[in-house]
Protein backbone atom coordinates (compact mmCIF):
# COMPACT_ATOMS: atom_id res chain seq x y z
CA MET A 1 73.29 13.32 68.34
CA ILE A 2 75.34 14.07 71.95
CA ARG A 3 73.77 15.60 74.57
CA ILE A 4 75.81 17.55 77.18
CA GLU A 5 74.77 19.03 80.34
CA GLY A 6 76.01 20.22 83.58
CA THR A 7 75.59 22.52 85.96
CA ILE A 8 77.77 25.09 87.43
CA ARG A 9 77.27 25.72 91.10
CA THR A 10 79.06 29.30 92.67
CA VAL A 11 78.96 30.03 95.95
CA SER A 12 78.60 33.64 96.35
CA ALA A 13 77.92 35.71 99.37
CA ARG A 14 75.23 37.96 96.63
CA ALA A 15 73.63 35.03 95.11
CA GLU A 16 70.24 37.08 94.66
CA CYS A 17 72.10 39.95 93.08
CA VAL A 18 74.51 38.12 91.15
CA ALA A 19 71.86 35.09 89.66
CA GLY A 20 69.55 38.47 88.83
CA ALA A 21 72.61 40.15 86.94
CA LEU A 22 73.37 36.62 84.92
CA ALA A 23 69.73 35.52 83.73
CA PRO A 24 69.12 37.82 81.37
CA ASP A 25 71.70 36.44 79.20
CA ASN A 26 71.00 32.85 79.23
CA LEU A 27 70.71 31.22 76.55
CA SER A 28 68.20 28.50 75.05
CA GLY A 29 70.05 25.98 77.36
CA MET A 30 70.91 27.61 80.29
CA GLU A 31 68.88 28.44 83.40
CA THR A 32 69.91 30.46 85.92
CA ALA A 33 68.37 31.01 89.83
CA ALA A 34 70.03 31.62 93.48
CA ALA A 35 69.80 28.84 95.33
CA GLY A 36 70.71 30.03 99.23
CA ASP A 37 74.19 31.06 98.78
CA ALA A 38 75.10 29.73 95.49
CA VAL A 39 74.22 30.62 91.64
CA VAL A 40 73.26 27.30 90.21
CA THR A 41 73.37 27.50 86.61
CA GLY A 42 72.06 24.48 84.57
CA ILE A 43 73.69 24.10 81.22
CA ARG A 44 73.38 21.99 78.22
CA GLY A 45 73.20 21.33 74.40
CA GLU A 46 74.48 18.88 71.66
CA HIS A 47 77.14 21.00 70.06
CA LEU A 48 80.66 20.38 72.48
CA ARG A 49 81.79 23.89 71.05
CA SER A 50 78.39 26.38 71.65
CA VAL A 51 78.30 24.94 75.13
CA THR A 52 82.50 25.14 75.53
CA ALA A 53 81.64 29.22 74.27
CA SER A 54 78.53 29.04 76.18
CA VAL A 55 80.54 28.09 79.63
CA ASP A 56 83.32 30.58 78.65
CA ASP A 57 80.99 33.43 77.96
CA TYR A 58 79.56 32.34 81.27
CA LEU A 59 82.37 32.73 83.47
CA MET A 60 82.99 35.96 82.48
CA ASN A 61 80.22 37.59 82.49
CA LEU A 62 80.03 35.61 86.71
CA ALA A 63 82.99 37.49 87.27
CA ILE A 64 82.00 40.39 86.27
CA ALA A 65 78.35 40.17 88.02
CA GLU A 66 80.44 39.40 91.46
CA GLU A 67 82.10 42.61 91.17
CA VAL A 68 79.23 44.53 90.26
CA CYS A 69 76.75 43.19 93.09
CA SER A 70 79.72 43.74 95.43
CA TYR A 71 80.16 47.26 94.25
CA LEU A 72 76.98 48.47 94.63
CA LEU A 73 75.89 46.64 97.58
CA ASP A 74 78.58 47.90 99.46
CA LYS A 75 78.12 50.81 98.47
CA ALA A 76 74.08 50.67 99.35
CA GLY A 77 75.70 49.37 103.15
CA ARG A 78 77.95 52.63 103.30
CA ALA A 79 74.72 55.32 102.09
């Protein structure tokens, strides 16, 4: 049996917000947290297709979370 592990680190001016938005969608082999100005997600699994699908879903969710957090924080700054 193989074990696949990796870390995705994404620099973000809104790392806390983005990590908070992503964390509820984590699967059992994922952990997401803010680390300074970065969102850091560890992914592990035993099946390449599952890990690949998880990374693909994560990247789509990351893009959406970044847009939502940008909108919300920009809007809050203007209020």
